[in-house]
Amino acid sequence: MLVLCGPPGVGKTTIGRICAQRLRIPFVDTDEALVELTGSTVAALLEREGEAALREREHRLIEALDREPRILAVGGGLITVPKTRQLLRDRALLIGLDASLPELLSRLSQSAIPRPLLWPTAAETLPALLERRESAYRDVHVRIQTDGLKREQLAETVCLLYRQLYQHSCSHSYSHSYSHSYSHSCPQISAECGQSPESQRQFFGDSEVVYTDELPDQSDHSLHFAESLLIYDQRLESIGNRVLAEWLAAFPVRYPVTAGESLKDLTAFPFHVQRLLERLAPLPATRSTVVALGGGSVGDFAGFFASVCKRGLPLIQIPSTWLAAIDSAHGGKNALNVGLMKNQLGTIAFARRIILSKQLLCGQPKERAQEAMGELAKIAIIDGGPWVKELLAAPETDGDLLWRFLSCAVAAKYKVVLSDPLERLSVRHQLNLGHTIGHILETQHQLPHGLAVAQGLHFTLELSTERGLLNAADLQELQMILTTRFALPDRRHLLAPIPQSQFVKQLLSDKKRSTEQAIRFVLVRGIGQAVIEEISVAELVAEAIRQGYVCAG
């Protein structure tokens, strides 16, 4: 079951009907169902019995529904009742539709439906109602901003989410796949690297994420050692780990690479392709799988190769760095660099399986864990779910902290990814928080990616304050969280100012450029409130100069 919720006028019933027709499953509108049951309109029930009684009727209606496939559109106030909202979260995929206040007022002005809670006028009452209900509207599995989207676009996005969930439920328990894929709470993985977690799996669309103590052995038939091409970071051969060396040797066909951004250079790709095809030649053409073992650059390179080789080969990602485990191994993005321009040529092709091995991840140097904190902070700020409160209060640090909250961060990323899997609706752009400036700092100062993103977060928080999205107190709180919780202090004083011409050149090559002189930039209103705004290159340059990242001359 898929449930559409959100403020009055957002289009839940309209989109629900379109989706039900396309998916050929029943559609239920709770307001219409109450009319059938009581013979009275919702407005009449509200006036006669009061809001508390109406919410109780709605709760009983939800309780009476079975788990059969359907699209359910619920009244704007139904999910404000915690027990009803939790019931929906437990039984269905809960999708929140959202729109800006001007857009909602425009739609409501064209509706003849009586809405007593918006009396005397929506313009007077809706702002306060939205503010009261915001925490409930945010407590959903996926939230979609509908401004600027045609009905057909929005309906197709909702249908895609339903198909991804339903496809998995055919072979697994519906409630099992649902709770692991979309839960806001943190699935229990052992808090310390020295402990052993229970084996855990999460399913997101066509991807399976596996958390395991050790690397899978040859009894794990999903890997098919003899039919796989292993592309791996050759540095893993020299770390003195006998178990890992034996595991690598178990793959008859393997291709070592030198990790780093140079691996993703487009000009070097033909050289690698020729040799990879030679390695693939002995393998059965219809059953070959590419296995990527390494950090982000290895995963990007192997993922791109798998997506274009023979029109696409299955891919298994086994990240060996915290940074890849928490971010780049997930979401299906694979890319190569063109000169100094990062990730200019790419594909979106999801890995069939992502294996997160405690043996690999917790054996990394402390510095690698620190570099991943930038991505953990980023996804925590974007998501803002209950798990973030646990994260901010947790006593662990470094690898222990990352391992404990790894599944939470992964689920939070997929929540965004699955709402816009092919990046056609701009929803996935949220995940670029801290990256526009971070990528420039990474290139100009040779910073590790995670630390560059962290510095990009500091830049973004100040810019968000300059633009009036954050007040001074919120800015100070978020800066303190970055510094104390994630050990990511503002290090701009250690960075030499970038020449303005170089800064502008990289901005203009950014994939998120919306016009010739503007960038879609991710800003922050608070934890759980990332927003995308179009900002001119001139404003970004001026802000970078003000903050000391760019030379004034």
Protein backbone atom coordinates (compact mmCIF):
# COMPACT_ATOMS: atom_id res chain seq x y z
CA MET A 1 0.00 0.00 0.00
CA LEU A 2 1.20 3.49 -0.85
CA VAL A 3 -0.14 6.50 1.05
CA LEU A 4 -0.14 10.11 -0.17
CA CYS A 5 -0.34 12.80 2.49
CA GLY A 6 0.35 16.51 2.75
CA PRO A 7 -1.25 19.91 3.21
CA PRO A 8 -4.67 20.86 1.83
CA GLY A 9 -4.62 21.66 -1.87
CA VAL A 10 -1.36 19.86 -2.64
CA GLY A 11 -3.05 17.40 -5.03
CA LYS A 12 -3.15 14.11 -3.13
CA THR A 13 -6.46 12.92 -4.58
CA THR A 14 -5.68 14.01 -8.14
CA ILE A 15 -2.24 12.35 -8.19
CA GLY A 16 -3.59 9.29 -6.36
CA ARG A 17 -6.25 8.68 -8.99
CA ILE A 18 -3.74 9.00 -11.84
CA CYS A 19 -1.32 6.58 -10.13
CA ALA A 20 -4.03 4.03 -9.36
CA GLN A 21 -5.15 4.08 -12.99
CA ARG A 22 -1.60 3.63 -14.28
CA LEU A 23 -0.79 0.88 -11.79
CA ARG A 24 -4.21 -0.77 -12.17
CA ILE A 25 -4.78 -1.00 -8.45
CA PRO A 26 -7.61 0.38 -6.26
CA PHE A 27 -7.69 3.98 -5.11
CA VAL A 28 -9.13 5.08 -1.76
CA ASP A 29 -9.62 8.65 -0.58
CA THR A 30 -10.23 8.81 3.18
CA ASP A 31 -12.49 11.85 2.90
CA GLU A 32 -14.66 10.08 0.31
CA ALA A 33 -14.67 6.90 2.40
CA LEU A 34 -15.93 8.84 5.43
CA VAL A 35 -18.74 10.31 3.35
CA GLU A 36 -19.78 6.77 2.33
CA LEU A 37 -19.64 5.51 5.92
CA THR A 38 -21.42 8.42 7.60
CA GLY A 39 -23.49 10.07 4.91
CA SER A 40 -21.94 13.42 5.88
CA THR A 41 -19.19 15.49 4.35
CA VAL A 42 -15.93 15.89 6.25
CA ALA A 43 -16.75 19.57 6.72
CA ALA A 44 -20.09 18.65 8.29
CA LEU A 45 -18.49 16.04 10.55
CA LEU A 46 -15.89 18.55 11.66
CA GLU A 47 -18.49 21.17 12.45
CA ARG A 48 -20.83 18.72 14.21
CA GLU A 49 -18.37 16.51 16.13
CA GLY A 50 -15.14 18.51 16.34
CA GLU A 51 -11.64 17.79 15.11
CA ALA A 52 -10.73 15.21 17.79
CA ALA A 53 -13.73 13.04 16.91
CA LEU A 54 -12.95 13.33 13.20
CA ARG A 55 -9.35 12.22 13.75
CA GLU A 56 -10.59 9.19 15.72
CA ARG A 57 -12.93 8.25 12.88
CA GLU A 58 -10.02 8.53 10.46
CA HIS A 59 -7.86 6.33 12.68
CA ARG A 60 -10.52 3.59 12.80
CA LEU A 61 -10.83 3.78 9.02
CA ILE A 62 -7.07 3.22 8.59
CA GLU A 63 -7.12 0.35 11.11
CA ALA A 64 -9.82 -1.41 9.09
CA LEU A 65 -7.77 -1.44 5.87
CA ASP A 66 -5.89 -4.59 4.94
CA ARG A 67 -2.43 -4.66 3.34
CA GLU A 68 -3.63 -5.31 -0.20
CA PRO A 69 -2.07 -3.16 -2.94
CA ARG A 70 -3.77 0.22 -3.25
CA ILE A 71 -3.13 3.94 -3.41
CA LEU A 72 -4.53 5.79 -0.38
CA ALA A 73 -4.94 9.58 -0.27
CA VAL A 74 -5.49 10.86 3.27
CA GLY A 75 -6.89 14.12 4.57
CA GLY A 76 -4.49 16.93 5.35
CA GLY A 77 -4.87 16.60 9.10
CA LEU A 78 -5.02 12.82 9.40
CA ILE A 79 -1.29 12.25 9.90
CA THR A 80 -1.05 14.92 12.60
CA VAL A 81 -2.26 12.25 15.06
CA PRO A 82 0.88 10.32 16.12
CA LYS A 83 -0.81 6.91 16.49
CA THR A 84 -2.41 7.20 13.04
CA ARG A 85 0.82 8.34 11.44
CA GLN A 86 2.73 5.46 13.01
CA LEU A 87 0.08 3.02 11.82
CA LEU A 88 0.56 4.24 8.26
CA ARG A 89 4.36 4.12 8.56
CA ASP A 90 4.14 0.51 9.74
CA ARG A 91 1.76 -0.62 7.00
CA ALA A 92 2.69 1.36 3.92
CA LEU A 93 5.13 3.56 2.07
CA LEU A 94 4.20 7.03 3.30
CA ILE A 95 4.86 9.73 0.69
CA GLY A 96 4.42 13.38 1.57
CA LEU A 97 3.56 15.82 -1.20
CA ASP A 98 4.65 19.38 -0.49
CA ALA A 99 4.30 22.77 -2.17
CA SER A 100 5.21 26.36 -1.40
CA LEU A 101 2.68 28.60 0.32
CA PRO A 102 1.97 30.70 -2.82
CA GLU A 103 1.41 27.52 -4.85
CA LEU A 104 -0.97 26.07 -2.24
CA LEU A 105 -2.93 29.31 -2.04
CA SER A 106 -3.21 29.39 -5.82
CA ARG A 107 -4.54 25.83 -5.96
CA LEU A 108 -6.95 26.35 -3.06
CA SER A 109 -8.38 29.44 -4.74
CA GLN A 110 -9.50 27.20 -7.61
CA SER A 111 -11.11 24.58 -5.33
CA ALA A 112 -14.76 24.56 -4.33
CA ILE A 113 -14.29 22.08 -1.48
CA PRO A 114 -15.33 23.61 1.87
CA ARG A 115 -12.45 23.62 4.39
CA PRO A 116 -13.59 24.78 7.85
CA LEU A 117 -10.06 24.75 9.26
CA LEU A 118 -9.10 27.42 6.72
CA TRP A 119 -11.91 29.80 7.65
CA PRO A 120 -12.29 32.73 7.05
CA THR A 121 -9.67 32.60 4.25
CA ALA A 122 -6.78 30.33 3.37
CA ALA A 123 -4.47 33.32 3.08
CA GLU A 124 -5.12 34.16 6.74
CA THR A 125 -5.11 30.68 8.26
CA LEU A 126 -2.93 28.42 6.08
CA PRO A 127 0.52 29.76 7.15
CA ALA A 128 -0.14 29.01 10.83
CA LEU A 129 -1.71 25.64 10.01
CA LEU A 130 1.35 24.61 7.97
CA GLU A 131 3.66 25.67 10.79
CA ARG A 132 1.71 23.56 13.32
CA ARG A 133 1.71 20.52 11.07
CA GLU A 134 5.26 20.76 9.68
CA SER A 135 6.76 18.15 12.04
CA ALA A 136 4.04 15.67 11.04
CA TYR A 137 4.39 16.39 7.33
CA ARG A 138 8.15 15.82 7.61
CA ASP A 139 7.72 12.46 9.37
CA VAL A 140 7.28 10.50 6.15
CA HIS A 141 9.37 8.04 4.22
CA VAL A 142 9.71 10.20 1.11
CA ARG A 143 8.77 13.87 0.68
CA ILE A 144 8.37 15.34 -2.81
CA GLN A 145 8.36 19.06 -3.59
CA THR A 146 5.69 19.52 -6.28
CA ASP A 147 6.24 23.15 -7.33
CA GLY A 148 6.87 23.36 -11.06
CA LEU A 149 6.02 19.69 -11.73
CA LYS A 150 3.32 18.65 -14.15
CA ARG A 151 0.76 16.13 -12.88
CA GLU A 152 2.15 13.48 -15.22
CA GLN A 153 5.71 13.97 -13.95
CA LEU A 154 4.67 13.75 -10.33
CA ALA A 155 2.45 10.72 -10.93
CA GLU A 156 5.24 8.88 -12.73
CA THR A 157 7.60 9.51 -9.81
CA VAL A 158 5.07 8.10 -7.35
CA CYS A 159 4.40 5.11 -9.62
CA LEU A 160 8.12 4.42 -9.87
CA LEU A 161 8.43 4.35 -6.09
CA TYR A 162 5.49 1.97 -5.86
CA ARG A 163 6.91 -0.37 -8.50
CA GLN A 164 10.30 -0.49 -6.77
CA LEU A 165 8.70 -1.40 -3.46
CA TYR A 166 6.19 -3.87 -4.89
CA GLN A 167 8.78 -5.63 -7.02
CA HIS A 168 10.76 -6.46 -3.92
CA SER A 169 7.70 -7.49 -1.91
CA CYS A 170 7.00 -10.27 -4.44
CA SER A 171 9.97 -12.22 -3.14
CA HIS A 172 10.29 -10.93 0.42
CA SER A 173 7.99 -10.11 3.29
CA TYR A 174 6.36 -6.74 2.58
CA SER A 175 6.84 -5.45 6.10
CA HIS A 176 10.43 -6.68 6.22
CA SER A 177 11.55 -4.91 3.06
CA TYR A 178 9.55 -1.85 3.93
CA SER A 179 10.90 -1.35 7.43
CA HIS A 180 14.51 -1.83 6.44
CA SER A 181 14.30 0.31 3.34
CA TYR A 182 12.56 3.35 4.73
CA SER A 183 12.72 3.37 8.51
CA HIS A 184 13.69 6.70 10.12
CA SER A 185 15.05 4.94 13.19
CA CYS A 186 18.52 3.47 13.24
CA PRO A 187 18.70 -0.29 12.51
CA GLN A 188 20.77 -2.01 15.16
CA ILE A 189 24.30 -2.66 14.01
CA SER A 190 26.92 -3.18 16.68
CA ALA A 191 28.10 0.10 18.17
CA GLU A 192 31.77 -0.82 18.30
CA CYS A 193 34.06 -2.16 15.64
CA GLY A 194 35.30 -4.80 18.03
CA GLN A 195 31.84 -6.31 18.41
CA SER A 196 29.98 -8.56 16.00
CA PRO A 197 26.69 -7.34 14.57
CA GLU A 198 23.98 -9.67 13.43
CA SER A 199 23.91 -10.05 9.67
CA GLN A 200 21.66 -7.38 8.22
CA ARG A 201 20.21 -6.60 4.85
CA GLN A 202 18.46 -3.54 3.47
CA PHE A 203 16.66 -3.39 0.15
CA PHE A 204 16.31 -0.24 -1.92
CA GLY A 205 14.70 -0.68 -5.32
CA ASP A 206 16.89 -3.19 -7.18
CA SER A 207 19.84 -2.81 -4.78
CA GLU A 208 20.58 -4.95 -1.75
CA VAL A 209 22.87 -3.59 0.96
CA VAL A 210 24.51 -6.25 3.14
CA TYR A 211 26.27 -5.59 6.46
CA THR A 212 28.63 -8.36 7.43
CA ASP A 213 31.54 -9.08 9.76
CA GLU A 214 33.86 -10.58 7.17
CA LEU A 215 34.27 -10.56 3.43
CA PRO A 216 31.98 -13.13 1.77
CA ASP A 217 33.66 -16.45 0.96
CA GLN A 218 33.12 -18.79 -1.96
CA SER A 219 30.05 -20.30 -0.31
CA ASP A 220 28.30 -17.00 -1.06
CA HIS A 221 26.87 -17.88 -4.47
CA SER A 222 25.79 -14.30 -5.18
CA LEU A 223 29.44 -13.39 -5.87
CA HIS A 224 30.21 -16.22 -8.34
CA PHE A 225 33.97 -15.90 -7.90
CA ALA A 226 34.72 -17.95 -11.02
CA GLU A 227 32.40 -15.83 -13.21
CA SER A 228 33.33 -12.40 -11.90
CA LEU A 229 35.81 -9.75 -12.94
CA LEU A 230 37.31 -8.21 -9.81
CA ILE A 231 38.47 -4.60 -10.23
CA TYR A 232 40.33 -3.61 -7.08
CA ASP A 233 42.63 -1.05 -5.49
CA GLN A 234 46.11 -2.55 -5.80
CA ARG A 235 47.15 -0.92 -2.50
CA LEU A 236 45.05 -3.58 -0.77
CA GLU A 237 47.69 -6.16 -1.77
CA SER A 238 50.35 -4.45 0.34
CA ILE A 239 48.62 -3.86 3.66
CA GLY A 240 49.84 -7.16 5.10
CA ASN A 241 46.41 -8.72 5.59
CA ARG A 242 46.76 -12.44 4.85
CA VAL A 243 43.00 -13.07 4.87
CA LEU A 244 42.43 -10.29 2.36
CA ALA A 245 45.30 -11.52 0.15
CA GLU A 246 43.76 -15.00 0.06
CA TRP A 247 40.36 -13.53 -0.71
CA LEU A 248 41.74 -11.57 -3.67
CA ALA A 249 43.49 -14.67 -4.98
CA ALA A 250 40.17 -16.56 -4.98
CA PHE A 251 39.11 -14.53 -8.05
CA PRO A 252 40.64 -16.16 -11.16
CA VAL A 253 40.01 -12.97 -13.16
CA ARG A 254 41.07 -9.72 -11.53
CA TYR A 255 42.33 -6.29 -12.57
CA PRO A 256 44.33 -4.15 -10.11
CA VAL A 257 44.16 -0.37 -10.50
CA THR A 258 45.80 2.65 -8.92
CA ALA A 259 43.09 4.46 -6.99
CA GLY A 260 42.65 8.22 -7.24
CA GLU A 261 41.11 10.80 -9.54
CA SER A 262 43.59 9.94 -12.31
CA LEU A 263 41.87 6.54 -12.58
CA LYS A 264 38.70 8.35 -13.64
CA ASP A 265 40.43 10.41 -16.35
CA LEU A 266 38.53 10.03 -19.61
CA THR A 267 41.73 9.98 -21.67
CA ALA A 268 42.98 6.90 -19.78
CA PHE A 269 39.71 4.98 -20.07
CA PRO A 270 40.36 3.39 -23.52
CA PHE A 271 43.65 1.99 -22.22
CA HIS A 272 41.83 0.27 -19.37
CA VAL A 273 38.91 -0.90 -21.52
CA GLN A 274 41.16 -2.83 -23.88
CA ARG A 275 42.77 -4.71 -21.01
CA LEU A 276 39.48 -5.27 -19.17
CA LEU A 277 37.91 -6.80 -22.26
CA GLU A 278 40.90 -9.15 -22.53
CA ARG A 279 40.32 -10.21 -18.92
CA LEU A 280 36.59 -10.70 -19.56
CA ALA A 281 37.07 -12.83 -22.67
CA PRO A 282 37.28 -16.24 -20.87
CA LEU A 283 34.17 -15.55 -18.75
CA PRO A 284 30.67 -16.62 -19.84
CA ALA A 285 29.19 -13.63 -21.66
CA THR A 286 25.69 -14.00 -20.22
CA ARG A 287 26.72 -14.54 -16.59
CA SER A 288 29.69 -12.20 -16.06
CA THR A 289 29.60 -9.83 -13.08
CA VAL A 290 31.86 -6.90 -12.25
CA VAL A 291 32.96 -6.71 -8.60
CA ALA A 292 34.45 -3.41 -7.42
CA LEU A 293 36.67 -3.44 -4.33
CA GLY A 294 38.11 -0.09 -3.28
CA GLY A 295 37.24 3.48 -2.47
CA GLY A 296 35.16 6.03 -4.35
CA SER A 297 37.36 6.35 -7.43
CA VAL A 298 37.55 2.56 -7.91
CA GLY A 299 33.79 2.25 -7.45
CA ASP A 300 33.14 5.06 -9.93
CA PHE A 301 35.51 3.60 -12.52
CA ALA A 302 34.26 0.01 -12.17
CA GLY A 303 30.64 1.14 -12.08
CA PHE A 304 31.02 3.18 -15.26
CA PHE A 305 32.76 0.30 -17.02
CA ALA A 306 30.08 -2.19 -15.92
CA SER A 307 27.28 0.11 -17.08
CA VAL A 308 28.63 0.51 -20.62
CA CYS A 309 30.36 -2.83 -21.24
CA LYS A 310 28.21 -5.12 -23.43
CA ARG A 311 25.25 -2.75 -22.81
CA GLY A 312 25.53 -3.29 -19.07
CA LEU A 313 26.92 -5.95 -16.74
CA PRO A 314 25.73 -6.66 -13.18
CA LEU A 315 27.76 -4.78 -10.57
CA ILE A 316 28.64 -5.61 -6.97
CA GLN A 317 30.24 -2.85 -4.89
CA ILE A 318 32.48 -3.70 -1.92
CA PRO A 319 33.74 -0.35 -0.61
CA SER A 320 37.03 -0.51 1.26
CA THR A 321 36.87 3.07 2.60
CA TRP A 322 34.40 4.68 4.98
CA LEU A 323 33.77 7.46 2.48
CA ALA A 324 32.65 5.02 -0.22
CA ALA A 325 30.70 2.91 2.27
CA ILE A 326 28.65 5.84 3.50
CA ASP A 327 28.13 7.62 0.17
CA SER A 328 29.58 6.88 -3.25
CA ALA A 329 28.82 3.13 -3.36
CA HIS A 330 25.10 3.93 -3.16
CA GLY A 331 22.73 5.60 -5.58
CA GLY A 332 23.88 4.27 -8.95
CA LYS A 333 26.01 7.22 -10.07
CA ASN A 334 29.16 6.32 -12.00
CA ALA A 335 31.34 8.90 -13.69
CA LEU A 336 34.64 9.87 -15.32
CA ASN A 337 36.45 13.20 -15.19
CA VAL A 338 37.23 15.43 -18.14
CA GLY A 339 40.43 17.31 -17.33
CA LEU A 340 39.92 19.18 -14.06
CA MET A 341 36.14 18.94 -14.40
CA LYS A 342 34.88 16.21 -12.08
CA ASN A 343 32.25 13.64 -13.02
CA GLN A 344 31.37 15.17 -16.40
CA LEU A 345 30.71 11.91 -18.23
CA GLY A 346 28.57 9.44 -16.34
CA THR A 347 25.75 6.95 -16.07
CA ILE A 348 23.12 6.05 -13.50
CA ALA A 349 23.21 2.28 -13.06
CA PHE A 350 22.51 0.83 -9.62
CA ALA A 351 24.71 -1.87 -8.15
CA ARG A 352 22.88 -5.13 -7.67
CA ARG A 353 24.54 -5.58 -4.30
CA ILE A 354 26.63 -3.45 -1.94
CA ILE A 355 28.58 -5.41 0.68
CA LEU A 356 29.73 -3.45 3.74
CA SER A 357 32.35 -5.48 5.58
CA LYS A 358 33.33 -4.57 9.11
CA GLN A 359 36.59 -6.40 8.55
CA LEU A 360 37.54 -3.97 5.79
CA LEU A 361 36.07 -0.76 7.15
CA CYS A 362 37.18 -0.94 10.77
CA GLY A 363 40.74 -1.80 9.73
CA GLN A 364 41.27 1.60 8.14
CA PRO A 365 43.51 4.28 9.66
CA LYS A 366 41.78 6.84 11.85
CA GLU A 367 42.33 9.49 9.16
CA ARG A 368 40.05 7.63 6.73
CA ALA A 369 37.25 7.64 9.29
CA GLN A 370 37.70 11.37 9.81
CA GLU A 371 37.44 12.01 6.08
CA ALA A 372 34.04 10.27 6.00
CA MET A 373 32.59 12.50 8.72
CA GLY A 374 31.86 15.21 6.17
CA GLU A 375 29.45 12.93 4.29
CA LEU A 376 27.89 11.69 7.54
CA ALA A 377 27.31 15.29 8.64
CA LYS A 378 25.87 16.13 5.22
CA ILE A 379 23.27 13.36 5.16
CA ALA A 380 22.35 14.00 8.80
CA ILE A 381 21.65 17.67 8.03
CA ILE A 382 19.60 16.73 4.97
CA ASP A 383 17.54 14.00 6.64
CA GLY A 384 16.99 15.30 10.17
CA GLY A 385 15.15 12.13 11.25
CA PRO A 386 15.05 10.72 14.81
CA TRP A 387 18.31 8.85 14.18
CA VAL A 388 20.10 12.20 13.92
CA LYS A 389 19.26 12.99 17.54
CA GLU A 390 20.82 9.64 18.50
CA LEU A 391 23.85 10.47 16.38
CA LEU A 392 24.41 13.86 17.98
CA ALA A 393 24.19 12.38 21.48
CA ALA A 394 26.15 9.18 20.84
CA PRO A 395 29.36 8.63 22.88
CA GLU A 396 31.25 6.87 20.09
CA THR A 397 33.83 8.49 17.82
CA ASP A 398 35.70 7.67 14.61
CA GLY A 399 35.08 4.19 13.18
CA ASP A 400 32.84 3.11 16.04
CA LEU A 401 30.50 6.03 15.37
CA LEU A 402 30.48 5.41 11.62
CA TRP A 403 29.76 1.70 11.99
CA ARG A 404 26.92 2.26 14.44
CA PHE A 405 25.13 4.79 12.20
CA LEU A 406 26.18 3.48 8.80
CA SER A 407 22.82 1.84 8.02
CA CYS A 408 20.99 5.02 9.09
CA ALA A 409 23.06 7.17 6.75
CA VAL A 410 22.65 4.70 3.89
CA ALA A 411 18.87 4.55 4.35
CA ALA A 412 18.69 8.34 4.51
CA LYS A 413 20.56 8.64 1.21
CA TYR A 414 18.31 6.11 -0.53
CA LYS A 415 15.25 7.96 0.76
CA VAL A 416 16.36 10.91 -1.36
CA VAL A 417 17.64 8.81 -4.27
CA LEU A 418 14.45 6.78 -4.69
CA SER A 419 12.32 9.91 -4.82
CA ASP A 420 14.25 10.94 -7.95
CA PRO A 421 16.29 7.91 -9.09
CA LEU A 422 17.24 9.28 -12.52
CA GLU A 423 17.74 12.87 -11.25
CA ARG A 424 15.01 14.30 -13.47
CA LEU A 425 13.13 16.21 -10.76
CA SER A 426 16.07 17.95 -9.06
CA VAL A 427 15.24 16.19 -5.77
CA ARG A 428 18.59 14.38 -5.75
CA HIS A 429 20.36 17.72 -5.93
CA GLN A 430 19.91 17.89 -2.15
CA LEU A 431 22.73 15.35 -1.92
CA ASN A 432 25.10 17.96 -3.37
CA LEU A 433 24.96 19.89 -0.10
CA GLY A 434 28.50 21.17 0.54
CA HIS A 435 29.75 19.83 -2.80
CA THR A 436 29.66 22.84 -5.13
CA ILE A 437 32.35 24.66 -3.16
CA GLY A 438 33.78 21.39 -1.83
CA HIS A 439 34.70 20.15 -5.30
CA ILE A 440 36.53 23.40 -6.03
CA LEU A 441 38.49 23.18 -2.76
CA GLU A 442 39.22 19.51 -3.43
CA THR A 443 40.72 20.34 -6.83
CA GLN A 444 42.53 23.56 -5.94
CA HIS A 445 43.95 22.46 -2.57
CA GLN A 446 44.17 18.70 -3.10
CA LEU A 447 41.97 18.09 -0.06
CA PRO A 448 40.50 14.65 0.65
CA HIS A 449 36.92 14.60 -0.61
CA GLY A 450 35.28 14.29 2.80
CA LEU A 451 37.24 17.19 4.29
CA ALA A 452 36.51 19.32 1.23
CA VAL A 453 32.78 18.63 1.62
CA ALA A 454 33.02 19.55 5.31
CA GLN A 455 34.56 22.89 4.39
CA GLY A 456 31.84 23.29 1.79
CA LEU A 457 29.29 22.82 4.59
CA HIS A 458 30.88 25.65 6.56
CA PHE A 459 30.66 27.87 3.47
CA THR A 460 27.02 26.90 2.92
CA LEU A 461 25.97 27.61 6.51
CA GLU A 462 27.36 31.13 6.31
CA LEU A 463 25.78 31.72 2.91
CA SER A 464 22.44 30.42 4.22
CA THR A 465 22.70 32.95 7.06
CA GLU A 466 23.55 35.77 4.65
CA ARG A 467 20.45 34.89 2.63
CA GLY A 468 18.22 34.89 5.72
CA LEU A 469 17.56 31.16 5.92
CA LEU A 470 19.42 30.73 9.22
CA ASN A 471 19.57 33.10 12.13
CA ALA A 472 22.78 33.72 14.08
CA ALA A 473 21.88 31.27 16.85
CA ASP A 474 21.13 28.45 14.38
CA LEU A 475 24.37 29.16 12.54
CA GLN A 476 26.37 28.95 15.73
CA GLU A 477 24.65 25.71 16.76
CA LEU A 478 25.30 24.01 13.40
CA GLN A 479 28.92 25.18 13.34
CA MET A 480 29.35 23.79 16.85
CA ILE A 481 27.88 20.45 15.77
CA LEU A 482 30.35 20.22 12.87
CA THR A 483 33.26 21.12 15.14
CA THR A 484 32.48 19.03 18.23
CA ARG A 485 30.34 16.09 17.11
CA PHE A 486 32.08 15.44 13.79
CA ALA A 487 35.51 16.97 14.57
CA LEU A 488 35.24 19.11 11.43
CA PRO A 489 36.29 22.64 12.44
CA ASP A 490 36.38 25.49 9.96
CA ARG A 491 39.84 25.27 8.37
CA ARG A 492 39.61 28.11 5.88
CA HIS A 493 42.50 29.95 7.57
CA LEU A 494 44.76 27.09 6.43
CA LEU A 495 43.77 27.49 2.77
CA ALA A 496 45.39 30.01 0.44
CA PRO A 497 42.82 32.17 -1.40
CA ILE A 498 42.00 30.84 -4.87
CA PRO A 499 42.52 33.15 -7.86
CA GLN A 500 39.14 34.49 -8.91
CA SER A 501 39.51 33.36 -12.53
CA GLN A 502 40.11 29.74 -11.50
CA PHE A 503 37.20 29.80 -9.06
CA VAL A 504 34.82 31.13 -11.74
CA LYS A 505 36.06 28.61 -14.31
CA GLN A 506 35.24 25.69 -12.04
CA LEU A 507 31.88 27.14 -11.05
CA LEU A 508 30.91 27.46 -14.70
CA SER A 509 31.82 23.79 -15.31
CA ASP A 510 29.61 22.62 -12.42
CA LYS A 511 26.97 20.07 -13.48
CA LYS A 512 24.36 21.93 -11.40
CA ARG A 513 24.62 25.10 -13.48
CA SER A 514 21.04 26.02 -14.40
CA THR A 515 21.76 28.93 -16.74
CA GLU A 516 24.86 30.50 -18.22
CA GLN A 517 25.51 32.48 -15.04
CA ALA A 518 23.60 30.66 -12.28
CA ILE A 519 24.01 27.52 -10.15
CA ARG A 520 21.41 25.35 -8.41
CA PHE A 521 22.87 25.60 -4.92
CA VAL A 522 21.83 23.62 -1.83
CA LEU A 523 21.25 25.80 1.24
CA VAL A 524 20.12 25.00 4.78
CA ARG A 525 17.21 26.26 6.88
CA GLY A 526 18.05 23.89 9.74
CA ILE A 527 18.61 20.20 10.40
CA GLY A 528 16.26 18.29 8.10
CA GLN A 529 15.61 21.34 5.93
CA ALA A 530 17.85 21.49 2.88
CA VAL A 531 16.56 23.77 0.13
CA ILE A 532 17.67 24.29 -3.47
CA GLU A 533 17.90 27.84 -4.78
CA GLU A 534 19.25 29.31 -7.97
CA ILE A 535 22.19 31.60 -7.15
CA SER A 536 24.14 33.70 -9.61
CA VAL A 537 27.82 33.00 -10.17
CA ALA A 538 28.48 36.63 -9.28
CA GLU A 539 26.86 36.21 -5.86
CA LEU A 540 28.81 33.02 -5.16
CA VAL A 541 32.07 34.72 -6.14
CA ALA A 542 31.29 37.71 -3.91
CA GLU A 543 30.44 35.41 -1.01
CA ALA A 544 33.62 33.36 -1.50
CA ILE A 545 35.63 36.58 -1.43
CA ARG A 546 33.79 37.72 1.71
CA GLN A 547 34.51 34.42 3.44
CA GLY A 548 38.17 34.47 2.39
CA TYR A 549 38.22 31.54 -0.05
CA VAL A 550 38.89 33.65 -3.16
CA CYS A 551 41.25 36.52 -3.93
CA ALA A 552 39.52 39.88 -4.16
CA GLY A 553 41.61 41.05 -7.08
